[in-house]
Amino acid sequence: MANKRITPEMVANALGIPVQTLRVAIQFEAYPFGKAFKKPGSSTYQYLFSPGAVREYLGDKLFDEMMGN
């Protein structure tokens, strides 16, 4: 599998939830597979997802579908 970046939109779609719900949940560490970072002086967050943790949470089949495999 190529190193494809996992976006909040991809994960939210796989979970069947609105993307803003996922973003807020990640900010509050409600899911074990992502982190939200805010650079000093910025008002926006950046999101980082661990592919292994997302795969473990979603399961192989759903993860592969999300990644387009």
N, C-alpha and C. Protein backbone atom coordinates (compact mmCIF):
# COMPACT_ATOMS: atom_id res chain seq x y z
N MET A 1 0.84 -1.18 0.00
CA MET A 1 0.00 0.00 0.00
C MET A 1 0.88 1.24 0.00
N ALA A 2 0.57 2.16 -0.86
CA ALA A 2 1.30 3.42 -0.92
C ALA A 2 1.00 4.22 0.34
N ASN A 3 1.88 5.15 0.66
CA ASN A 3 1.69 5.99 1.84
C ASN A 3 0.68 7.09 1.52
N LYS A 4 -0.58 6.76 1.61
CA LYS A 4 -1.66 7.70 1.36
C LYS A 4 -2.03 8.38 2.67
N ARG A 5 -2.15 9.67 2.64
CA ARG A 5 -2.50 10.42 3.85
C ARG A 5 -3.96 10.16 4.24
N ILE A 6 -4.17 9.94 5.52
CA ILE A 6 -5.53 9.74 6.03
C ILE A 6 -6.06 11.08 6.50
N THR A 7 -7.21 11.48 5.96
CA THR A 7 -7.81 12.77 6.28
C THR A 7 -8.99 12.60 7.24
N PRO A 8 -9.36 13.67 7.94
CA PRO A 8 -10.55 13.60 8.79
C PRO A 8 -11.79 13.21 7.99
N GLU A 9 -11.89 13.68 6.76
CA GLU A 9 -13.05 13.37 5.93
C GLU A 9 -13.14 11.87 5.65
N MET A 10 -12.01 11.24 5.38
CA MET A 10 -11.98 9.80 5.11
C MET A 10 -12.45 9.01 6.32
N VAL A 11 -11.92 9.35 7.49
CA VAL A 11 -12.26 8.61 8.72
C VAL A 11 -13.72 8.85 9.10
N ALA A 12 -14.17 10.09 9.02
CA ALA A 12 -15.57 10.40 9.36
C ALA A 12 -16.52 9.63 8.45
N ASN A 13 -16.21 9.58 7.17
CA ASN A 13 -17.04 8.85 6.22
C ASN A 13 -17.07 7.36 6.58
N ALA A 14 -15.93 6.80 6.92
CA ALA A 14 -15.86 5.37 7.29
C ALA A 14 -16.66 5.10 8.56
N LEU A 15 -16.66 6.05 9.48
CA LEU A 15 -17.40 5.89 10.74
C LEU A 15 -18.88 6.23 10.60
N GLY A 16 -19.24 6.93 9.51
CA GLY A 16 -20.62 7.33 9.31
C GLY A 16 -21.05 8.49 10.19
N ILE A 17 -20.09 9.40 10.48
CA ILE A 17 -20.38 10.56 11.31
C ILE A 17 -19.97 11.82 10.57
N PRO A 18 -20.52 12.98 10.95
CA PRO A 18 -20.09 14.24 10.33
C PRO A 18 -18.62 14.51 10.63
N VAL A 19 -17.92 15.11 9.67
CA VAL A 19 -16.50 15.37 9.83
C VAL A 19 -16.23 16.32 11.00
N GLN A 20 -17.10 17.30 11.23
CA GLN A 20 -16.88 18.22 12.35
C GLN A 20 -17.00 17.49 13.69
N THR A 21 -17.88 16.50 13.76
CA THR A 21 -18.00 15.70 14.98
C THR A 21 -16.70 14.96 15.24
N LEU A 22 -16.12 14.38 14.19
CA LEU A 22 -14.85 13.68 14.35
C LEU A 22 -13.75 14.64 14.78
N ARG A 23 -13.69 15.80 14.15
CA ARG A 23 -12.64 16.77 14.51
C ARG A 23 -12.70 17.15 15.99
N VAL A 24 -13.89 17.45 16.48
CA VAL A 24 -14.04 17.82 17.89
C VAL A 24 -13.69 16.63 18.78
N ALA A 25 -14.13 15.44 18.40
CA ALA A 25 -13.82 14.24 19.19
C ALA A 25 -12.31 14.02 19.26
N ILE A 26 -11.60 14.23 18.16
CA ILE A 26 -10.15 14.08 18.15
C ILE A 26 -9.50 15.15 19.03
N GLN A 27 -10.02 16.36 19.00
CA GLN A 27 -9.47 17.42 19.86
C GLN A 27 -9.59 17.05 21.33
N PHE A 28 -10.66 16.33 21.69
CA PHE A 28 -10.88 15.92 23.08
C PHE A 28 -10.38 14.51 23.37
N GLU A 29 -9.60 13.96 22.43
CA GLU A 29 -8.99 12.63 22.58
C GLU A 29 -10.02 11.54 22.84
N ALA A 30 -11.17 11.63 22.18
CA ALA A 30 -12.24 10.65 22.35
C ALA A 30 -12.01 9.38 21.53
N TYR A 31 -11.13 9.44 20.54
CA TYR A 31 -10.79 8.27 19.74
C TYR A 31 -9.31 7.96 19.93
N PRO A 32 -8.95 6.68 19.88
CA PRO A 32 -7.56 6.29 20.15
C PRO A 32 -6.63 6.36 18.94
N PHE A 33 -7.10 6.89 17.81
CA PHE A 33 -6.31 6.78 16.59
C PHE A 33 -5.86 8.09 15.98
N GLY A 34 -6.13 9.22 16.61
CA GLY A 34 -5.76 10.49 16.03
C GLY A 34 -5.37 11.53 17.06
N LYS A 35 -4.68 12.54 16.58
CA LYS A 35 -4.28 13.67 17.43
C LYS A 35 -4.58 14.96 16.70
N ALA A 36 -4.94 15.97 17.46
CA ALA A 36 -5.17 17.32 16.92
C ALA A 36 -4.08 18.23 17.46
N PHE A 37 -3.49 19.00 16.56
CA PHE A 37 -2.42 19.91 16.92
C PHE A 37 -2.77 21.32 16.46
N LYS A 38 -2.45 22.28 17.32
CA LYS A 38 -2.64 23.68 16.95
C LYS A 38 -1.29 24.36 17.09
N LYS A 39 -0.82 24.96 16.01
CA LYS A 39 0.46 25.67 16.05
C LYS A 39 0.31 26.92 16.90
N PRO A 40 1.37 27.33 17.61
CA PRO A 40 1.31 28.55 18.41
C PRO A 40 0.90 29.74 17.54
N GLY A 41 -0.05 30.49 18.03
CA GLY A 41 -0.54 31.67 17.33
C GLY A 41 -1.58 31.38 16.26
N SER A 42 -1.91 30.09 16.07
CA SER A 42 -2.89 29.72 15.05
C SER A 42 -4.23 29.44 15.71
N SER A 43 -5.28 29.62 14.94
CA SER A 43 -6.62 29.30 15.45
C SER A 43 -7.16 28.02 14.85
N THR A 44 -6.39 27.39 13.96
CA THR A 44 -6.85 26.17 13.31
C THR A 44 -6.04 24.96 13.76
N TYR A 45 -6.68 23.81 13.72
CA TYR A 45 -6.04 22.55 14.10
C TYR A 45 -5.58 21.81 12.86
N GLN A 46 -4.55 21.01 13.05
CA GLN A 46 -4.13 20.03 12.07
C GLN A 46 -4.34 18.67 12.71
N TYR A 47 -4.66 17.67 11.90
CA TYR A 47 -5.01 16.35 12.41
C TYR A 47 -4.05 15.31 11.86
N LEU A 48 -3.62 14.43 12.75
CA LEU A 48 -2.71 13.35 12.38
C LEU A 48 -3.34 12.04 12.82
N PHE A 49 -3.40 11.09 11.89
CA PHE A 49 -4.00 9.79 12.17
C PHE A 49 -2.95 8.69 12.02
N SER A 50 -2.92 7.79 12.98
CA SER A 50 -2.04 6.63 12.93
C SER A 50 -2.72 5.56 12.08
N PRO A 51 -2.15 5.21 10.92
CA PRO A 51 -2.78 4.19 10.08
C PRO A 51 -3.02 2.87 10.81
N GLY A 52 -2.06 2.43 11.60
CA GLY A 52 -2.22 1.17 12.33
C GLY A 52 -3.36 1.23 13.33
N ALA A 53 -3.47 2.35 14.04
CA ALA A 53 -4.54 2.50 15.03
C ALA A 53 -5.90 2.64 14.36
N VAL A 54 -5.95 3.34 13.21
CA VAL A 54 -7.22 3.47 12.48
C VAL A 54 -7.64 2.09 11.97
N ARG A 55 -6.70 1.33 11.44
CA ARG A 55 -7.00 -0.03 10.95
C ARG A 55 -7.52 -0.90 12.09
N GLU A 56 -6.88 -0.83 13.23
CA GLU A 56 -7.30 -1.63 14.38
C GLU A 56 -8.72 -1.25 14.82
N TYR A 57 -9.03 0.04 14.81
CA TYR A 57 -10.34 0.51 15.25
C TYR A 57 -11.44 0.15 14.25
N LEU A 58 -11.15 0.34 12.95
CA LEU A 58 -12.16 0.11 11.92
C LEU A 58 -12.26 -1.36 11.49
N GLY A 59 -11.18 -2.08 11.62
CA GLY A 59 -11.10 -3.43 11.09
C GLY A 59 -10.50 -3.39 9.69
N ASP A 60 -9.95 -4.51 9.27
CA ASP A 60 -9.24 -4.56 7.99
C ASP A 60 -10.13 -4.20 6.81
N LYS A 61 -11.32 -4.77 6.74
CA LYS A 61 -12.18 -4.56 5.57
C LYS A 61 -12.57 -3.10 5.40
N LEU A 62 -13.06 -2.48 6.47
CA LEU A 62 -13.48 -1.08 6.39
C LEU A 62 -12.29 -0.16 6.14
N PHE A 63 -11.15 -0.48 6.76
CA PHE A 63 -9.96 0.33 6.54
C PHE A 63 -9.54 0.27 5.07
N ASP A 64 -9.50 -0.94 4.51
CA ASP A 64 -9.11 -1.09 3.12
C ASP A 64 -10.07 -0.36 2.19
N GLU A 65 -11.37 -0.41 2.47
CA GLU A 65 -12.35 0.32 1.68
C GLU A 65 -12.10 1.83 1.76
N MET A 66 -11.83 2.30 2.97
CA MET A 66 -11.57 3.72 3.18
C MET A 66 -10.34 4.16 2.38
N MET A 67 -9.33 3.31 2.32
CA MET A 67 -8.08 3.65 1.63
C MET A 67 -8.17 3.40 0.14
N GLY A 68 -9.28 2.84 -0.33
CA GLY A 68 -9.45 2.61 -1.76
C GLY A 68 -8.80 1.34 -2.25
N ASN A 69 -8.59 0.38 -1.35
CA ASN A 69 -7.97 -0.90 -1.72
C ASN A 69 -9.02 -1.95 -1.97
